[in-house]
Amino acid sequence: RVHQALRDINHLLPIESLELLKAKYLQVYDLYLRLSERQKRKVYGNLSEVREQLEELLHRQKKVEELLDKSGTLEQRKQWYDELQQHYQGLPMKEQEKWYAQMVHLKQSLERG
């Protein structure tokens, strides 16, 4: 069951919202805790890889929030937009949808000057 749950969450990482991914990870971790020590050793690498990927997505989301809230000169905002775009592209699709309107608004304001 743990292996199937890990495959499922790996499949969902580029798609689903971070809230759903966190909930799924907690379910997988709960299953992991119920395994024998021998089974845990076999699964630990995959589980920690999923955790690292999830942490990276959470970091990207936090960075997007921070950069969208920053204010500065037009030149500074243009530089931040490039960094923001990189973090935004690394988010899952549903998270991108969540931030899309703000990204479009920022881009339009930068284009207008």
N, C-alpha and C. Protein backbone atom coordinates (compact mmCIF):
# COMPACT_ATOMS: atom_id res chain seq x y z
N ARG A 1 0.82 -1.20 0.00
CA ARG A 1 0.00 0.00 0.00
C ARG A 1 0.85 1.26 0.00
N VAL A 2 1.97 1.23 0.72
CA VAL A 2 2.82 2.41 0.79
C VAL A 2 3.43 2.69 -0.58
N HIS A 3 3.86 1.64 -1.26
CA HIS A 3 4.45 1.83 -2.58
C HIS A 3 3.44 2.45 -3.56
N GLN A 4 2.21 1.97 -3.50
CA GLN A 4 1.16 2.51 -4.37
C GLN A 4 0.89 3.98 -4.01
N ALA A 5 0.82 4.27 -2.72
CA ALA A 5 0.57 5.64 -2.29
C ALA A 5 1.71 6.57 -2.72
N LEU A 6 2.95 6.08 -2.66
CA LEU A 6 4.09 6.88 -3.11
C LEU A 6 4.03 7.13 -4.62
N ARG A 7 3.64 6.11 -5.37
CA ARG A 7 3.48 6.31 -6.82
C ARG A 7 2.39 7.34 -7.11
N ASP A 8 1.30 7.24 -6.36
CA ASP A 8 0.20 8.19 -6.55
C ASP A 8 0.63 9.62 -6.27
N ILE A 9 1.30 9.83 -5.17
CA ILE A 9 1.71 11.19 -4.81
C ILE A 9 2.76 11.72 -5.79
N ASN A 10 3.64 10.86 -6.27
CA ASN A 10 4.62 11.28 -7.27
C ASN A 10 3.92 11.74 -8.55
N HIS A 11 2.85 11.04 -8.90
CA HIS A 11 2.07 11.40 -10.09
C HIS A 11 1.37 12.75 -9.90
N LEU A 12 0.95 13.04 -8.65
CA LEU A 12 0.20 14.26 -8.37
C LEU A 12 1.08 15.49 -8.16
N LEU A 13 2.36 15.31 -7.89
CA LEU A 13 3.24 16.44 -7.57
C LEU A 13 3.20 17.57 -8.60
N PRO A 14 3.24 17.32 -9.90
CA PRO A 14 3.22 18.44 -10.84
C PRO A 14 1.82 19.01 -11.11
N ILE A 15 0.80 18.43 -10.49
CA ILE A 15 -0.57 18.80 -10.86
C ILE A 15 -1.35 19.46 -9.72
N GLU A 16 -1.41 18.81 -8.59
CA GLU A 16 -2.35 19.17 -7.53
C GLU A 16 -1.90 20.36 -6.68
N SER A 17 -2.83 20.85 -5.88
CA SER A 17 -2.55 21.95 -4.97
C SER A 17 -1.64 21.46 -3.85
N LEU A 18 -0.93 22.39 -3.24
CA LEU A 18 -0.01 22.01 -2.17
C LEU A 18 -0.75 21.51 -0.94
N GLU A 19 -1.92 22.02 -0.70
CA GLU A 19 -2.70 21.55 0.45
C GLU A 19 -3.04 20.07 0.29
N LEU A 20 -3.48 19.68 -0.89
CA LEU A 20 -3.81 18.29 -1.15
C LEU A 20 -2.55 17.43 -1.07
N LEU A 21 -1.46 17.93 -1.62
CA LEU A 21 -0.20 17.17 -1.59
C LEU A 21 0.29 16.96 -0.17
N LYS A 22 0.17 17.98 0.66
CA LYS A 22 0.58 17.83 2.07
C LYS A 22 -0.28 16.78 2.76
N ALA A 23 -1.58 16.82 2.51
CA ALA A 23 -2.49 15.84 3.12
C ALA A 23 -2.15 14.43 2.66
N LYS A 24 -1.88 14.27 1.36
CA LYS A 24 -1.51 12.95 0.83
C LYS A 24 -0.20 12.47 1.44
N TYR A 25 0.75 13.39 1.58
CA TYR A 25 2.05 13.01 2.17
C TYR A 25 1.85 12.54 3.61
N LEU A 26 1.01 13.22 4.36
CA LEU A 26 0.76 12.79 5.74
C LEU A 26 0.12 11.41 5.80
N GLN A 27 -0.74 11.11 4.83
CA GLN A 27 -1.34 9.78 4.76
C GLN A 27 -0.27 8.73 4.48
N VAL A 28 0.61 9.04 3.54
CA VAL A 28 1.68 8.11 3.19
C VAL A 28 2.61 7.92 4.38
N TYR A 29 2.92 9.01 5.06
CA TYR A 29 3.82 8.92 6.22
C TYR A 29 3.18 8.09 7.33
N ASP A 30 1.88 8.22 7.50
CA ASP A 30 1.18 7.41 8.49
C ASP A 30 1.28 5.92 8.15
N LEU A 31 1.13 5.60 6.86
CA LEU A 31 1.30 4.21 6.43
C LEU A 31 2.73 3.74 6.67
N TYR A 32 3.68 4.61 6.39
CA TYR A 32 5.10 4.30 6.59
C TYR A 32 5.37 3.96 8.06
N LEU A 33 4.80 4.72 8.97
CA LEU A 33 5.04 4.48 10.39
C LEU A 33 4.54 3.11 10.85
N ARG A 34 3.59 2.56 10.15
CA ARG A 34 3.02 1.26 10.51
C ARG A 34 3.84 0.07 9.98
N LEU A 35 4.82 0.35 9.14
CA LEU A 35 5.63 -0.71 8.56
C LEU A 35 6.62 -1.27 9.57
N SER A 36 7.09 -2.48 9.28
CA SER A 36 8.17 -3.06 10.09
C SER A 36 9.46 -2.31 9.77
N GLU A 37 10.46 -2.45 10.62
CA GLU A 37 11.74 -1.75 10.40
C GLU A 37 12.36 -2.15 9.07
N ARG A 38 12.26 -3.41 8.73
CA ARG A 38 12.83 -3.89 7.47
C ARG A 38 12.15 -3.23 6.27
N GLN A 39 10.81 -3.16 6.33
CA GLN A 39 10.07 -2.53 5.24
C GLN A 39 10.34 -1.03 5.18
N LYS A 40 10.49 -0.41 6.35
CA LYS A 40 10.76 1.03 6.40
C LYS A 40 12.06 1.36 5.66
N ARG A 41 13.07 0.51 5.84
CA ARG A 41 14.35 0.77 5.17
C ARG A 41 14.20 0.75 3.65
N LYS A 42 13.32 -0.11 3.16
CA LYS A 42 13.11 -0.21 1.70
C LYS A 42 12.38 1.02 1.15
N VAL A 43 11.53 1.61 1.95
CA VAL A 43 10.66 2.69 1.50
C VAL A 43 11.24 4.08 1.81
N TYR A 44 12.13 4.15 2.78
CA TYR A 44 12.60 5.44 3.28
C TYR A 44 13.15 6.35 2.19
N GLY A 45 13.94 5.83 1.28
CA GLY A 45 14.52 6.65 0.22
C GLY A 45 13.46 7.33 -0.64
N ASN A 46 12.47 6.56 -1.04
CA ASN A 46 11.38 7.13 -1.85
C ASN A 46 10.57 8.15 -1.07
N LEU A 47 10.32 7.84 0.19
CA LEU A 47 9.55 8.75 1.03
C LEU A 47 10.29 10.07 1.25
N SER A 48 11.57 9.99 1.51
CA SER A 48 12.33 11.22 1.73
C SER A 48 12.46 12.03 0.43
N GLU A 49 12.51 11.36 -0.71
CA GLU A 49 12.55 12.06 -1.99
C GLU A 49 11.26 12.84 -2.23
N VAL A 50 10.13 12.23 -1.92
CA VAL A 50 8.84 12.91 -2.05
C VAL A 50 8.80 14.10 -1.09
N ARG A 51 9.28 13.90 0.13
CA ARG A 51 9.28 14.99 1.11
C ARG A 51 10.13 16.16 0.61
N GLU A 52 11.30 15.87 0.05
CA GLU A 52 12.17 16.93 -0.47
C GLU A 52 11.51 17.67 -1.62
N GLN A 53 10.84 16.94 -2.50
CA GLN A 53 10.14 17.59 -3.62
C GLN A 53 9.01 18.48 -3.10
N LEU A 54 8.30 18.01 -2.10
CA LEU A 54 7.21 18.78 -1.52
C LEU A 54 7.76 20.03 -0.83
N GLU A 55 8.88 19.88 -0.12
CA GLU A 55 9.51 21.03 0.53
C GLU A 55 9.94 22.06 -0.51
N GLU A 56 10.46 21.60 -1.63
CA GLU A 56 10.87 22.51 -2.70
C GLU A 56 9.66 23.26 -3.26
N LEU A 57 8.55 22.57 -3.44
CA LEU A 57 7.33 23.24 -3.92
C LEU A 57 6.83 24.27 -2.92
N LEU A 58 6.89 23.93 -1.64
CA LEU A 58 6.47 24.87 -0.61
C LEU A 58 7.39 26.10 -0.60
N HIS A 59 8.68 25.87 -0.80
CA HIS A 59 9.64 26.97 -0.87
C HIS A 59 9.32 27.87 -2.07
N ARG A 60 9.02 27.27 -3.20
CA ARG A 60 8.69 28.04 -4.40
C ARG A 60 7.43 28.88 -4.16
N GLN A 61 6.43 28.27 -3.53
CA GLN A 61 5.19 28.99 -3.25
C GLN A 61 5.47 30.19 -2.33
N LYS A 62 6.26 29.98 -1.31
CA LYS A 62 6.61 31.05 -0.38
C LYS A 62 7.33 32.18 -1.11
N LYS A 63 8.24 31.82 -2.01
CA LYS A 63 9.00 32.81 -2.77
C LYS A 63 8.07 33.60 -3.69
N VAL A 64 7.11 32.93 -4.32
CA VAL A 64 6.14 33.61 -5.17
C VAL A 64 5.35 34.63 -4.34
N GLU A 65 4.90 34.21 -3.16
CA GLU A 65 4.16 35.12 -2.28
C GLU A 65 5.00 36.34 -1.93
N GLU A 66 6.25 36.10 -1.53
CA GLU A 66 7.14 37.19 -1.14
C GLU A 66 7.38 38.16 -2.29
N LEU A 67 7.66 37.63 -3.45
CA LEU A 67 7.98 38.49 -4.60
C LEU A 67 6.76 39.27 -5.09
N LEU A 68 5.59 38.68 -4.98
CA LEU A 68 4.39 39.41 -5.39
C LEU A 68 4.06 40.53 -4.42
N ASP A 69 4.45 40.38 -3.17
CA ASP A 69 4.17 41.41 -2.16
C ASP A 69 5.20 42.53 -2.13
N LYS A 70 6.35 42.32 -2.79
CA LYS A 70 7.40 43.34 -2.77
C LYS A 70 7.00 44.56 -3.57
N SER A 71 7.46 45.70 -3.11
CA SER A 71 7.28 46.91 -3.89
C SER A 71 8.64 47.57 -4.03
N GLY A 72 8.82 48.25 -5.13
CA GLY A 72 10.10 48.90 -5.40
C GLY A 72 10.02 49.69 -6.68
N THR A 73 11.17 50.08 -7.18
CA THR A 73 11.20 50.83 -8.43
C THR A 73 10.81 49.90 -9.58
N LEU A 74 10.51 50.52 -10.70
CA LEU A 74 10.12 49.74 -11.89
C LEU A 74 11.24 48.76 -12.27
N GLU A 75 12.47 49.22 -12.22
CA GLU A 75 13.61 48.37 -12.58
C GLU A 75 13.74 47.18 -11.62
N GLN A 76 13.58 47.45 -10.33
CA GLN A 76 13.64 46.37 -9.34
C GLN A 76 12.52 45.37 -9.56
N ARG A 77 11.33 45.86 -9.83
CA ARG A 77 10.20 44.95 -10.04
C ARG A 77 10.40 44.10 -11.28
N LYS A 78 11.03 44.65 -12.32
CA LYS A 78 11.32 43.86 -13.51
C LYS A 78 12.29 42.73 -13.19
N GLN A 79 13.30 43.02 -12.38
CA GLN A 79 14.25 41.97 -11.98
C GLN A 79 13.54 40.92 -11.13
N TRP A 80 12.71 41.35 -10.22
CA TRP A 80 11.97 40.42 -9.37
C TRP A 80 11.02 39.58 -10.20
N TYR A 81 10.46 40.18 -11.24
CA TYR A 81 9.52 39.44 -12.08
C TYR A 81 10.20 38.25 -12.75
N ASP A 82 11.43 38.44 -13.19
CA ASP A 82 12.16 37.32 -13.81
C ASP A 82 12.34 36.17 -12.82
N GLU A 83 12.73 36.52 -11.59
CA GLU A 83 12.89 35.50 -10.54
C GLU A 83 11.54 34.88 -10.21
N LEU A 84 10.53 35.72 -10.12
CA LEU A 84 9.18 35.27 -9.81
C LEU A 84 8.69 34.28 -10.86
N GLN A 85 8.96 34.57 -12.10
CA GLN A 85 8.54 33.71 -13.21
C GLN A 85 9.16 32.32 -13.08
N GLN A 86 10.42 32.26 -12.68
CA GLN A 86 11.08 30.96 -12.51
C GLN A 86 10.41 30.14 -11.41
N HIS A 87 10.13 30.78 -10.29
CA HIS A 87 9.49 30.06 -9.18
C HIS A 87 8.06 29.66 -9.55
N TYR A 88 7.37 30.54 -10.22
CA TYR A 88 5.99 30.29 -10.64
C TYR A 88 5.94 29.07 -11.56
N GLN A 89 6.85 28.99 -12.52
CA GLN A 89 6.86 27.87 -13.47
C GLN A 89 7.11 26.54 -12.77
N GLY A 90 7.77 26.55 -11.62
CA GLY A 90 8.06 25.32 -10.90
C GLY A 90 6.94 24.83 -10.02
N LEU A 91 5.87 25.61 -9.92
CA LEU A 91 4.74 25.20 -9.09
C LEU A 91 3.84 24.21 -9.82
N PRO A 92 3.09 23.40 -9.06
CA PRO A 92 2.11 22.51 -9.70
C PRO A 92 1.04 23.33 -10.43
N MET A 93 0.37 22.71 -11.38
CA MET A 93 -0.62 23.41 -12.19
C MET A 93 -1.70 24.12 -11.38
N LYS A 94 -2.22 23.44 -10.38
CA LYS A 94 -3.31 24.04 -9.61
C LYS A 94 -2.81 25.24 -8.81
N GLU A 95 -1.57 25.21 -8.39
CA GLU A 95 -0.99 26.37 -7.69
C GLU A 95 -0.76 27.50 -8.68
N GLN A 96 -0.35 27.17 -9.90
CA GLN A 96 -0.18 28.21 -10.92
C GLN A 96 -1.51 28.90 -11.20
N GLU A 97 -2.57 28.12 -11.27
CA GLU A 97 -3.89 28.70 -11.51
C GLU A 97 -4.25 29.68 -10.40
N LYS A 98 -3.87 29.35 -9.19
CA LYS A 98 -4.17 30.19 -8.03
C LYS A 98 -3.49 31.56 -8.15
N TRP A 99 -2.29 31.60 -8.68
CA TRP A 99 -1.50 32.83 -8.76
C TRP A 99 -1.60 33.51 -10.12
N TYR A 100 -2.27 32.92 -11.07
CA TYR A 100 -2.27 33.41 -12.45
C TYR A 100 -2.73 34.87 -12.56
N ALA A 101 -3.84 35.20 -11.93
CA ALA A 101 -4.37 36.56 -12.06
C ALA A 101 -3.38 37.60 -11.55
N GLN A 102 -2.73 37.31 -10.44
CA GLN A 102 -1.75 38.25 -9.89
C GLN A 102 -0.54 38.37 -10.81
N MET A 103 -0.13 37.27 -11.40
CA MET A 103 1.00 37.30 -12.32
C MET A 103 0.67 38.15 -13.55
N VAL A 104 -0.52 37.99 -14.10
CA VAL A 104 -0.93 38.75 -15.27
C VAL A 104 -1.01 40.24 -14.92
N HIS A 105 -1.58 40.54 -13.77
CA HIS A 105 -1.69 41.93 -13.34
C HIS A 105 -0.31 42.57 -13.19
N LEU A 106 0.61 41.85 -12.57
CA LEU A 106 1.98 42.37 -12.39
C LEU A 106 2.65 42.59 -13.75
N LYS A 107 2.50 41.62 -14.64
CA LYS A 107 3.13 41.76 -15.97
C LYS A 107 2.56 42.96 -16.71
N GLN A 108 1.26 43.15 -16.64
CA GLN A 108 0.65 44.30 -17.32
C GLN A 108 1.12 45.61 -16.71
N SER A 109 1.25 45.66 -15.41
CA SER A 109 1.71 46.91 -14.77
C SER A 109 3.17 47.19 -15.13
N LEU A 110 3.97 46.15 -15.29
CA LEU A 110 5.36 46.34 -15.68
C LEU A 110 5.46 46.81 -17.14
N GLU A 111 4.59 46.29 -17.99
CA GLU A 111 4.59 46.68 -19.40
C GLU A 111 4.16 48.13 -19.57
N ARG A 112 3.22 48.56 -18.74
CA ARG A 112 2.75 49.94 -18.81
C ARG A 112 3.79 50.92 -18.26
N GLY A 113 4.59 50.42 -17.32
CA GLY A 113 5.65 51.28 -16.76
C GLY A 113 5.10 51.96 -15.60
